[in-house]
Amino acid sequence: MLIAHVTFEVDQTNSVKALEALTTEAAQVRAMAGCIAFNPFQDAINPALIGVLHEWETSDDFDGYTASEEFARVGATLRPMMVKPPLSRRFDASLVESV
């Protein structure tokens, strides 16, 4: 399983718009092959910090997402709002238990 934790900072005046851009894409991304979870969020302490927690069955599935029209579309909307480059931390994980 691949887990990607992506965060980026926007001007606080754009935080609602940035979060809406991600939530608008959520249903399409969640329907993609190999997508286990796609959870956009806004940091409760720093509202200018927006992120997405991804879970994918394989890294190839995640690569398919990053090569998709959905990824390009949301990137074209979000990148101009970012005040610094995004941070994407990717983890190779195995599920131990789901309770």
PDB file of N, CA and C in Angstrom:
ATOM      1  N   MET A   1       0.857  -1.163   0.000  1.00  0.00           N
ATOM      2  CA  MET A   1       0.000   0.000   0.000  1.00  0.00           C
ATOM      3  C   MET A   1       0.903   1.226   0.000  1.00  0.00           C
ATOM      4  N   LEU A   2       0.517   2.226  -0.780  1.00  0.00           N
ATOM      5  CA  LEU A   2       1.226   3.491  -0.787  1.00  0.00           C
ATOM      6  C   LEU A   2       0.362   4.528  -0.089  1.00  0.00           C
ATOM      7  N   ILE A   3       0.970   5.230   0.844  1.00  0.00           N
ATOM      8  CA  ILE A   3       0.303   6.338   1.517  1.00  0.00           C
ATOM      9  C   ILE A   3       1.058   7.601   1.147  1.00  0.00           C
ATOM     10  N   ALA A   4       0.331   8.603   0.692  1.00  0.00           N
ATOM     11  CA  ALA A   4       0.930   9.897   0.379  1.00  0.00           C
ATOM     12  C   ALA A   4       0.247  10.958   1.229  1.00  0.00           C
ATOM     13  N   HIS A   5       1.051  11.714   1.936  1.00  0.00           N
ATOM     14  CA  HIS A   5       0.562  12.807   2.765  1.00  0.00           C
ATOM     15  C   HIS A   5       1.080  14.086   2.116  1.00  0.00           C
ATOM     16  N   VAL A   6       0.177  14.832   1.503  1.00  0.00           N
ATOM     17  CA  VAL A   6       0.553  16.024   0.744  1.00  0.00           C
ATOM     18  C   VAL A   6       0.019  17.259   1.456  1.00  0.00           C
ATOM     19  N   THR A   7       0.886  18.242   1.671  1.00  0.00           N
ATOM     20  CA  THR A   7       0.458  19.499   2.266  1.00  0.00           C
ATOM     21  C   THR A   7       1.033  20.661   1.459  1.00  0.00           C
ATOM     22  N   PHE A   8       0.309  21.766   1.491  1.00  0.00           N
ATOM     23  CA  PHE A   8       0.786  22.976   0.841  1.00  0.00           C
ATOM     24  C   PHE A   8       0.129  24.174   1.509  1.00  0.00           C
ATOM     25  N   GLU A   9       0.823  25.298   1.426  1.00  0.00           N
ATOM     26  CA  GLU A   9       0.305  26.516   2.041  1.00  0.00           C
ATOM     27  C   GLU A   9      -0.168  27.474   0.956  1.00  0.00           C
ATOM     28  N   VAL A  10      -1.312  28.077   1.221  1.00  0.00           N
ATOM     29  CA  VAL A  10      -1.878  29.086   0.326  1.00  0.00           C
ATOM     30  C   VAL A  10      -2.040  30.377   1.116  1.00  0.00           C
ATOM     31  N   ASP A  11      -2.246  31.475   0.413  1.00  0.00           N
ATOM     32  CA  ASP A  11      -2.632  32.696   1.095  1.00  0.00           C
ATOM     33  C   ASP A  11      -3.954  32.388   1.797  1.00  0.00           C
ATOM     34  N   GLN A  12      -4.087  32.801   3.036  1.00  0.00           N
ATOM     35  CA  GLN A  12      -5.274  32.436   3.819  1.00  0.00           C
ATOM     36  C   GLN A  12      -6.577  32.854   3.135  1.00  0.00           C
ATOM     37  N   THR A  13      -6.548  33.873   2.306  1.00  0.00           N
ATOM     38  CA  THR A  13      -7.761  34.289   1.591  1.00  0.00           C
ATOM     39  C   THR A  13      -8.187  33.257   0.557  1.00  0.00           C
ATOM     40  N   ASN A  14      -7.283  32.347   0.196  1.00  0.00           N
ATOM     41  CA  ASN A  14      -7.590  31.295  -0.783  1.00  0.00           C
ATOM     42  C   ASN A  14      -7.826  29.925  -0.161  1.00  0.00           C
ATOM     43  N   SER A  15      -7.800  29.817   1.164  1.00  0.00           N
ATOM     44  CA  SER A  15      -7.885  28.496   1.792  1.00  0.00           C
ATOM     45  C   SER A  15      -9.208  27.783   1.503  1.00  0.00           C
ATOM     46  N   VAL A  16     -10.316  28.487   1.528  1.00  0.00           N
ATOM     47  CA  VAL A  16     -11.607  27.853   1.247  1.00  0.00           C
ATOM     48  C   VAL A  16     -11.664  27.404  -0.209  1.00  0.00           C
ATOM     49  N   LYS A  17     -11.210  28.250  -1.103  1.00  0.00           N
ATOM     50  CA  LYS A  17     -11.195  27.914  -2.529  1.00  0.00           C
ATOM     51  C   LYS A  17     -10.300  26.703  -2.807  1.00  0.00           C
ATOM     52  N   ALA A  18      -9.152  26.625  -2.154  1.00  0.00           N
ATOM     53  CA  ALA A  18      -8.235  25.494  -2.352  1.00  0.00           C
ATOM     54  C   ALA A  18      -8.860  24.191  -1.846  1.00  0.00           C
ATOM     55  N   LEU A  19      -9.459  24.245  -0.673  1.00  0.00           N
ATOM     56  CA  LEU A  19     -10.103  23.046  -0.129  1.00  0.00           C
ATOM     57  C   LEU A  19     -11.271  22.613  -1.005  1.00  0.00           C
ATOM     58  N   GLU A  20     -12.036  23.564  -1.511  1.00  0.00           N
ATOM     59  CA  GLU A  20     -13.149  23.235  -2.407  1.00  0.00           C
ATOM     60  C   GLU A  20     -12.662  22.584  -3.694  1.00  0.00           C
ATOM     61  N   ALA A  21     -11.519  23.019  -4.212  1.00  0.00           N
ATOM     62  CA  ALA A  21     -10.977  22.416  -5.426  1.00  0.00           C
ATOM     63  C   ALA A  21     -10.670  20.941  -5.203  1.00  0.00           C
ATOM     64  N   LEU A  22     -10.130  20.611  -4.055  1.00  0.00           N
ATOM     65  CA  LEU A  22      -9.827  19.209  -3.745  1.00  0.00           C
ATOM     66  C   LEU A  22     -11.093  18.397  -3.495  1.00  0.00           C
ATOM     67  N   THR A  23     -12.039  18.952  -2.758  1.00  0.00           N
ATOM     68  CA  THR A  23     -13.250  18.193  -2.460  1.00  0.00           C
ATOM     69  C   THR A  23     -14.093  17.984  -3.715  1.00  0.00           C
ATOM     70  N   THR A  24     -14.016  18.912  -4.656  1.00  0.00           N
ATOM     71  CA  THR A  24     -14.731  18.752  -5.921  1.00  0.00           C
ATOM     72  C   THR A  24     -14.205  17.548  -6.698  1.00  0.00           C
ATOM     73  N   GLU A  25     -12.917  17.296  -6.614  1.00  0.00           N
ATOM     74  CA  GLU A  25     -12.288  16.181  -7.331  1.00  0.00           C
ATOM     75  C   GLU A  25     -12.386  14.855  -6.578  1.00  0.00           C
ATOM     76  N   ALA A  26     -12.733  14.897  -5.303  1.00  0.00           N
ATOM     77  CA  ALA A  26     -12.650  13.708  -4.452  1.00  0.00           C
ATOM     78  C   ALA A  26     -13.410  12.501  -4.996  1.00  0.00           C
ATOM     79  N   ALA A  27     -14.633  12.666  -5.424  1.00  0.00           N
ATOM     80  CA  ALA A  27     -15.421  11.516  -5.893  1.00  0.00           C
ATOM     81  C   ALA A  27     -14.778  10.864  -7.104  1.00  0.00           C
ATOM     82  N   GLN A  28     -14.264  11.658  -8.029  1.00  0.00           N
ATOM     83  CA  GLN A  28     -13.621  11.090  -9.221  1.00  0.00           C
ATOM     84  C   GLN A  28     -12.328  10.363  -8.856  1.00  0.00           C
ATOM     85  N   VAL A  29     -11.554  10.944  -7.967  1.00  0.00           N
ATOM     86  CA  VAL A  29     -10.297  10.299  -7.568  1.00  0.00           C
ATOM     87  C   VAL A  29     -10.593   9.010  -6.809  1.00  0.00           C
ATOM     88  N   ARG A  30     -11.554   9.039  -5.910  1.00  0.00           N
ATOM     89  CA  ARG A  30     -11.899   7.841  -5.132  1.00  0.00           C
ATOM     90  C   ARG A  30     -12.395   6.697  -6.011  1.00  0.00           C
ATOM     91  N   ALA A  31     -12.913   7.018  -7.180  1.00  0.00           N
ATOM     92  CA  ALA A  31     -13.404   5.988  -8.105  1.00  0.00           C
ATOM     93  C   ALA A  31     -12.289   5.399  -8.974  1.00  0.00           C
ATOM     94  N   MET A  32     -11.092   5.942  -8.884  1.00  0.00           N
ATOM     95  CA  MET A  32      -9.981   5.462  -9.719  1.00  0.00           C
ATOM     96  C   MET A  32      -9.489   4.104  -9.224  1.00  0.00           C
ATOM     97  N   ALA A  33      -8.959   3.340 -10.158  1.00  0.00           N
ATOM     98  CA  ALA A  33      -8.417   2.017  -9.832  1.00  0.00           C
ATOM     99  C   ALA A  33      -7.342   2.142  -8.752  1.00  0.00           C
ATOM    100  N   GLY A  34      -7.496   1.363  -7.703  1.00  0.00           N
ATOM    101  CA  GLY A  34      -6.488   1.304  -6.650  1.00  0.00           C
ATOM    102  C   GLY A  34      -6.611   2.341  -5.561  1.00  0.00           C
ATOM    103  N   CYS A  35      -7.544   3.272  -5.672  1.00  0.00           N
ATOM    104  CA  CYS A  35      -7.689   4.300  -4.645  1.00  0.00           C
ATOM    105  C   CYS A  35      -8.446   3.718  -3.444  1.00  0.00           C
ATOM    106  N   ILE A  36      -7.814   3.775  -2.302  1.00  0.00           N
ATOM    107  CA  ILE A  36      -8.430   3.330  -1.062  1.00  0.00           C
ATOM    108  C   ILE A  36      -9.020   4.522  -0.316  1.00  0.00           C
ATOM    109  N   ALA A  37      -8.289   5.650  -0.346  1.00  0.00           N
ATOM    110  CA  ALA A  37      -8.765   6.850   0.347  1.00  0.00           C
ATOM    111  C   ALA A  37      -8.158   8.092  -0.298  1.00  0.00           C
ATOM    112  N   PHE A  38      -8.951   9.147  -0.322  1.00  0.00           N
ATOM    113  CA  PHE A  38      -8.526  10.464  -0.775  1.00  0.00           C
ATOM    114  C   PHE A  38      -9.236  11.448   0.134  1.00  0.00           C
ATOM    115  N   ASN A  39      -8.526  11.979   1.118  1.00  0.00           N
ATOM    116  CA  ASN A  39      -9.140  12.793   2.159  1.00  0.00           C
ATOM    117  C   ASN A  39      -8.509  14.179   2.237  1.00  0.00           C
ATOM    118  N   PRO A  40      -9.132  15.163   1.592  1.00  0.00           N
ATOM    119  CA  PRO A  40      -8.650  16.541   1.699  1.00  0.00           C
ATOM    120  C   PRO A  40      -8.903  17.078   3.115  1.00  0.00           C
ATOM    121  N   PHE A  41      -8.025  17.993   3.558  1.00  0.00           N
ATOM    122  CA  PHE A  41      -8.215  18.580   4.883  1.00  0.00           C
ATOM    123  C   PHE A  41      -7.600  19.973   4.955  1.00  0.00           C
ATOM    124  N   GLN A  42      -8.035  20.698   5.963  1.00  0.00           N
ATOM    125  CA  GLN A  42      -7.468  22.006   6.293  1.00  0.00           C
ATOM    126  C   GLN A  42      -6.946  21.908   7.715  1.00  0.00           C
ATOM    127  N   ASP A  43      -5.750  22.388   7.943  1.00  0.00           N
ATOM    128  CA  ASP A  43      -5.149  22.333   9.269  1.00  0.00           C
ATOM    129  C   ASP A  43      -5.948  23.203  10.247  1.00  0.00           C
ATOM    130  N   ALA A  44      -6.261  22.663  11.392  1.00  0.00           N
ATOM    131  CA  ALA A  44      -7.080  23.382  12.381  1.00  0.00           C
ATOM    132  C   ALA A  44      -6.322  24.529  13.046  1.00  0.00           C
ATOM    133  N   ILE A  45      -5.012  24.466  13.076  1.00  0.00           N
ATOM    134  CA  ILE A  45      -4.218  25.509  13.720  1.00  0.00           C
ATOM    135  C   ILE A  45      -3.770  26.571  12.724  1.00  0.00           C
ATOM    136  N   ASN A  46      -3.417  26.123  11.520  1.00  0.00           N
ATOM    137  CA  ASN A  46      -2.977  27.041  10.464  1.00  0.00           C
ATOM    138  C   ASN A  46      -3.929  26.893   9.280  1.00  0.00           C
ATOM    139  N   PRO A  47      -4.976  27.705   9.181  1.00  0.00           N
ATOM    140  CA  PRO A  47      -5.977  27.558   8.126  1.00  0.00           C
ATOM    141  C   PRO A  47      -5.434  27.733   6.708  1.00  0.00           C
ATOM    142  N   ALA A  48      -4.235  28.278   6.576  1.00  0.00           N
ATOM    143  CA  ALA A  48      -3.631  28.439   5.253  1.00  0.00           C
ATOM    144  C   ALA A  48      -2.975  27.136   4.780  1.00  0.00           C
ATOM    145  N   LEU A  49      -2.877  26.146   5.667  1.00  0.00           N
ATOM    146  CA  LEU A  49      -2.267  24.864   5.326  1.00  0.00           C
ATOM    147  C   LEU A  49      -3.354  23.875   4.903  1.00  0.00           C
ATOM    148  N   ILE A  50      -3.269  23.433   3.663  1.00  0.00           N
ATOM    149  CA  ILE A  50      -4.245  22.514   3.079  1.00  0.00           C
ATOM    150  C   ILE A  50      -3.518  21.212   2.769  1.00  0.00           C
ATOM    151  N   GLY A  51      -4.235  20.109   2.788  1.00  0.00           N
ATOM    152  CA  GLY A  51      -3.577  18.846   2.496  1.00  0.00           C
ATOM    153  C   GLY A  51      -4.526  17.777   2.001  1.00  0.00           C
ATOM    154  N   VAL A  52      -3.908  16.673   1.624  1.00  0.00           N
ATOM    155  CA  VAL A  52      -4.653  15.486   1.203  1.00  0.00           C
ATOM    156  C   VAL A  52      -3.921  14.270   1.750  1.00  0.00           C
ATOM    157  N   LEU A  53      -4.675  13.363   2.353  1.00  0.00           N
ATOM    158  CA  LEU A  53      -4.139  12.080   2.754  1.00  0.00           C
ATOM    159  C   LEU A  53      -4.632  11.058   1.735  1.00  0.00           C
ATOM    160  N   HIS A  54      -3.689  10.458   1.029  1.00  0.00           N
ATOM    161  CA  HIS A  54      -3.995   9.456   0.005  1.00  0.00           C
ATOM    162  C   HIS A  54      -3.657   8.068   0.528  1.00  0.00           C
ATOM    163  N   GLU A  55      -4.440   7.073   0.127  1.00  0.00           N
ATOM    164  CA  GLU A  55      -4.075   5.663   0.300  1.00  0.00           C
ATOM    165  C   GLU A  55      -4.349   4.976  -1.031  1.00  0.00           C
ATOM    166  N   TRP A  56      -3.354   4.266  -1.547  1.00  0.00           N
ATOM    167  CA  TRP A  56      -3.445   3.575  -2.830  1.00  0.00           C
ATOM    168  C   TRP A  56      -2.970   2.139  -2.665  1.00  0.00           C
ATOM    169  N   GLU A  57      -3.590   1.233  -3.395  1.00  0.00           N
ATOM    170  CA  GLU A  57      -3.199  -0.173  -3.303  1.00  0.00           C
ATOM    171  C   GLU A  57      -1.745  -0.369  -3.707  1.00  0.00           C
ATOM    172  N   THR A  58      -1.300   0.312  -4.777  1.00  0.00           N
ATOM    173  CA  THR A  58       0.086   0.172  -5.239  1.00  0.00           C
ATOM    174  C   THR A  58       0.636   1.533  -5.657  1.00  0.00           C
ATOM    175  N   SER A  59       1.949   1.609  -5.772  1.00  0.00           N
ATOM    176  CA  SER A  59       2.557   2.846  -6.259  1.00  0.00           C
ATOM    177  C   SER A  59       2.197   3.073  -7.728  1.00  0.00           C
ATOM    178  N   ASP A  60       1.985   2.005  -8.490  1.00  0.00           N
ATOM    179  CA  ASP A  60       1.562   2.156  -9.880  1.00  0.00           C
ATOM    180  C   ASP A  60       0.177   2.810  -9.960  1.00  0.00           C
ATOM    181  N   ASP A  61      -0.716   2.457  -9.036  1.00  0.00           N
ATOM    182  CA  ASP A  61      -2.039   3.099  -8.992  1.00  0.00           C
ATOM    183  C   ASP A  61      -1.898   4.593  -8.707  1.00  0.00           C
ATOM    184  N   PHE A  62      -1.018   4.940  -7.781  1.00  0.00           N
ATOM    185  CA  PHE A  62      -0.791   6.343  -7.464  1.00  0.00           C
ATOM    186  C   PHE A  62      -0.182   7.073  -8.663  1.00  0.00           C
ATOM    187  N   ASP A  63       0.759   6.412  -9.344  1.00  0.00           N
ATOM    188  CA  ASP A  63       1.351   7.000 -10.549  1.00  0.00           C
ATOM    189  C   ASP A  63       0.287   7.246 -11.617  1.00  0.00           C
ATOM    190  N   GLY A  64      -0.682   6.342 -11.714  1.00  0.00           N
ATOM    191  CA  GLY A  64      -1.791   6.537 -12.647  1.00  0.00           C
ATOM    192  C   GLY A  64      -2.584   7.778 -12.297  1.00  0.00           C
ATOM    193  N   TYR A  65      -2.795   7.997 -11.016  1.00  0.00           N
ATOM    194  CA  TYR A  65      -3.497   9.202 -10.579  1.00  0.00           C
ATOM    195  C   TYR A  65      -2.700  10.453 -10.941  1.00  0.00           C
ATOM    196  N   THR A  66      -1.392  10.450 -10.647  1.00  0.00           N
ATOM    197  CA  THR A  66      -0.602  11.657 -10.901  1.00  0.00           C
ATOM    198  C   THR A  66      -0.445  11.945 -12.398  1.00  0.00           C
ATOM    199  N   ALA A  67      -0.725  10.955 -13.242  1.00  0.00           N
ATOM    200  CA  ALA A  67      -0.691  11.157 -14.694  1.00  0.00           C
ATOM    201  C   ALA A  67      -2.084  11.463 -15.263  1.00  0.00           C
ATOM    202  N   SER A  68      -3.088  11.554 -14.405  1.00  0.00           N
ATOM    203  CA  SER A  68      -4.478  11.685 -14.854  1.00  0.00           C
ATOM    204  C   SER A  68      -4.891  13.126 -15.132  1.00  0.00           C
ATOM    205  N   GLU A  69      -6.002  13.250 -15.856  1.00  0.00           N
ATOM    206  CA  GLU A  69      -6.594  14.561 -16.118  1.00  0.00           C
ATOM    207  C   GLU A  69      -7.056  15.225 -14.817  1.00  0.00           C
ATOM    208  N   GLU A  70      -7.558  14.435 -13.881  1.00  0.00           N
ATOM    209  CA  GLU A  70      -8.023  14.986 -12.607  1.00  0.00           C
ATOM    210  C   GLU A  70      -6.874  15.666 -11.871  1.00  0.00           C
ATOM    211  N   PHE A  71      -5.715  14.994 -11.820  1.00  0.00           N
ATOM    212  CA  PHE A  71      -4.547  15.551 -11.149  1.00  0.00           C
ATOM    213  C   PHE A  71      -4.107  16.846 -11.830  1.00  0.00           C
ATOM    214  N   ALA A  72      -4.058  16.833 -13.157  1.00  0.00           N
ATOM    215  CA  ALA A  72      -3.646  18.031 -13.909  1.00  0.00           C
ATOM    216  C   ALA A  72      -4.623  19.178 -13.680  1.00  0.00           C
ATOM    217  N   ARG A  73      -5.907  18.866 -13.666  1.00  0.00           N
ATOM    218  CA  ARG A  73      -6.935  19.900 -13.504  1.00  0.00           C
ATOM    219  C   ARG A  73      -6.843  20.558 -12.119  1.00  0.00           C
ATOM    220  N   VAL A  74      -6.763  19.757 -11.090  1.00  0.00           N
ATOM    221  CA  VAL A  74      -6.717  20.341  -9.747  1.00  0.00           C
ATOM    222  C   VAL A  74      -5.381  21.054  -9.528  1.00  0.00           C
ATOM    223  N   GLY A  75      -4.309  20.530 -10.115  1.00  0.00           N
ATOM    224  CA  GLY A  75      -3.017  21.206 -10.012  1.00  0.00           C
ATOM    225  C   GLY A  75      -3.031  22.575 -10.666  1.00  0.00           C
ATOM    226  N   ALA A  76      -3.685  22.678 -11.817  1.00  0.00           N
ATOM    227  CA  ALA A  76      -3.777  23.963 -12.514  1.00  0.00           C
ATOM    228  C   ALA A  76      -4.543  24.993 -11.683  1.00  0.00           C
ATOM    229  N   THR A  77      -5.482  24.520 -10.880  1.00  0.00           N
ATOM    230  CA  THR A  77      -6.243  25.411 -10.008  1.00  0.00           C
ATOM    231  C   THR A  77      -5.446  25.782  -8.754  1.00  0.00           C
ATOM    232  N   LEU A  78      -4.771  24.784  -8.160  1.00  0.00           N
ATOM    233  CA  LEU A  78      -4.122  24.995  -6.872  1.00  0.00           C
ATOM    234  C   LEU A  78      -2.759  25.679  -6.947  1.00  0.00           C
ATOM    235  N   ARG A  79      -1.948  25.327  -7.921  1.00  0.00           N
ATOM    236  CA  ARG A  79      -0.573  25.846  -7.947  1.00  0.00           C
ATOM    237  C   ARG A  79      -0.487  27.369  -7.910  1.00  0.00           C
ATOM    238  N   PRO A  80      -1.332  28.096  -8.637  1.00  0.00           N
ATOM    239  CA  PRO A  80      -1.247  29.562  -8.545  1.00  0.00           C
ATOM    240  C   PRO A  80      -1.584  30.117  -7.153  1.00  0.00           C
ATOM    241  N   MET A  81      -2.297  29.341  -6.340  1.00  0.00           N
ATOM    242  CA  MET A  81      -2.657  29.783  -4.996  1.00  0.00           C
ATOM    243  C   MET A  81      -1.571  29.492  -3.962  1.00  0.00           C
ATOM    244  N   MET A  82      -0.641  28.596  -4.293  1.00  0.00           N
ATOM    245  CA  MET A  82       0.378  28.175  -3.332  1.00  0.00           C
ATOM    246  C   MET A  82       1.413  29.267  -3.108  1.00  0.00           C
ATOM    247  N   VAL A  83       1.773  29.463  -1.848  1.00  0.00           N
ATOM    248  CA  VAL A  83       2.794  30.452  -1.515  1.00  0.00           C
ATOM    249  C   VAL A  83       4.186  29.835  -1.426  1.00  0.00           C
ATOM    250  N   LYS A  84       4.257  28.514  -1.451  1.00  0.00           N
ATOM    251  CA  LYS A  84       5.517  27.788  -1.514  1.00  0.00           C
ATOM    252  C   LYS A  84       5.236  26.416  -2.099  1.00  0.00           C
ATOM    253  N   PRO A  85       6.251  25.706  -2.541  1.00  0.00           N
ATOM    254  CA  PRO A  85       6.012  24.392  -3.161  1.00  0.00           C
ATOM    255  C   PRO A  85       5.347  23.410  -2.193  1.00  0.00           C
ATOM    256  N   PRO A  86       4.563  22.477  -2.737  1.00  0.00           N
ATOM    257  CA  PRO A  86       3.925  21.471  -1.879  1.00  0.00           C
ATOM    258  C   PRO A  86       4.956  20.485  -1.341  1.00  0.00           C
ATOM    259  N   LEU A  87       4.608  19.857  -0.236  1.00  0.00           N
ATOM    260  CA  LEU A  87       5.420  18.791   0.342  1.00  0.00           C
ATOM    261  C   LEU A  87       4.628  17.499   0.216  1.00  0.00           C
ATOM    262  N   SER A  88       5.185  16.522  -0.494  1.00  0.00           N
ATOM    263  CA  SER A  88       4.536  15.225  -0.650  1.00  0.00           C
ATOM    264  C   SER A  88       5.431  14.169  -0.015  1.00  0.00           C
ATOM    265  N   ARG A  89       4.939  13.594   1.078  1.00  0.00           N
ATOM    266  CA  ARG A  89       5.673  12.508   1.751  1.00  0.00           C
ATOM    267  C   ARG A  89       4.961  11.218   1.414  1.00  0.00           C
ATOM    268  N   ARG A  90       5.721  10.262   0.891  1.00  0.00           N
ATOM    269  CA  ARG A  90       5.135   9.003   0.433  1.00  0.00           C
ATOM    270  C   ARG A  90       5.710   7.844   1.239  1.00  0.00           C
ATOM    271  N   PHE A  91       4.803   6.949   1.633  1.00  0.00           N
ATOM    272  CA  PHE A  91       5.181   5.851   2.503  1.00  0.00           C
ATOM    273  C   PHE A  91       4.761   4.520   1.881  1.00  0.00           C
ATOM    274  N   ASP A  92       5.629   3.550   1.956  1.00  0.00           N
ATOM    275  CA  ASP A  92       5.317   2.180   1.584  1.00  0.00           C
ATOM    276  C   ASP A  92       4.855   1.511   2.868  1.00  0.00           C
ATOM    277  N   ALA A  93       3.594   1.138   2.931  1.00  0.00           N
ATOM    278  CA  ALA A  93       3.027   0.654   4.182  1.00  0.00           C
ATOM    279  C   ALA A  93       2.297  -0.671   3.993  1.00  0.00           C
ATOM    280  N   SER A  94       2.146  -1.380   5.076  1.00  0.00           N
ATOM    281  CA  SER A  94       1.295  -2.573   5.045  1.00  0.00           C
ATOM    282  C   SER A  94       0.279  -2.427   6.178  1.00  0.00           C
ATOM    283  N   LEU A  95      -0.938  -2.799   5.873  1.00  0.00           N
ATOM    284  CA  LEU A  95      -2.007  -2.703   6.851  1.00  0.00           C
ATOM    285  C   LEU A  95      -1.839  -3.817   7.879  1.00  0.00           C
ATOM    286  N   VAL A  96      -1.766  -3.437   9.122  1.00  0.00           N
ATOM    287  CA  VAL A  96      -1.621  -4.404  10.203  1.00  0.00           C
ATOM    288  C   VAL A  96      -2.997  -4.860  10.688  1.00  0.00           C
ATOM    289  N   GLU A  97      -3.902  -3.889  10.810  1.00  0.00           N
ATOM    290  CA  GLU A  97      -5.235  -4.212  11.321  1.00  0.00           C
ATOM    291  C   GLU A  97      -6.174  -3.075  11.012  1.00  0.00           C
ATOM    292  N   SER A  98      -7.413  -3.399  10.778  1.00  0.00           N
ATOM    293  CA  SER A  98      -8.460  -2.400  10.611  1.00  0.00           C
ATOM    294  C   SER A  98      -9.569  -2.759  11.582  1.00  0.00           C
ATOM    295  N   VAL A  99      -9.751  -1.930  12.608  1.00  0.00           N
ATOM    296  CA  VAL A  99     -10.730  -2.243  13.652  1.00  0.00           C
ATOM    297  C   VAL A  99     -11.813  -1.204  13.726  1.00  0.00           C
TER     298      VAL A  99
END
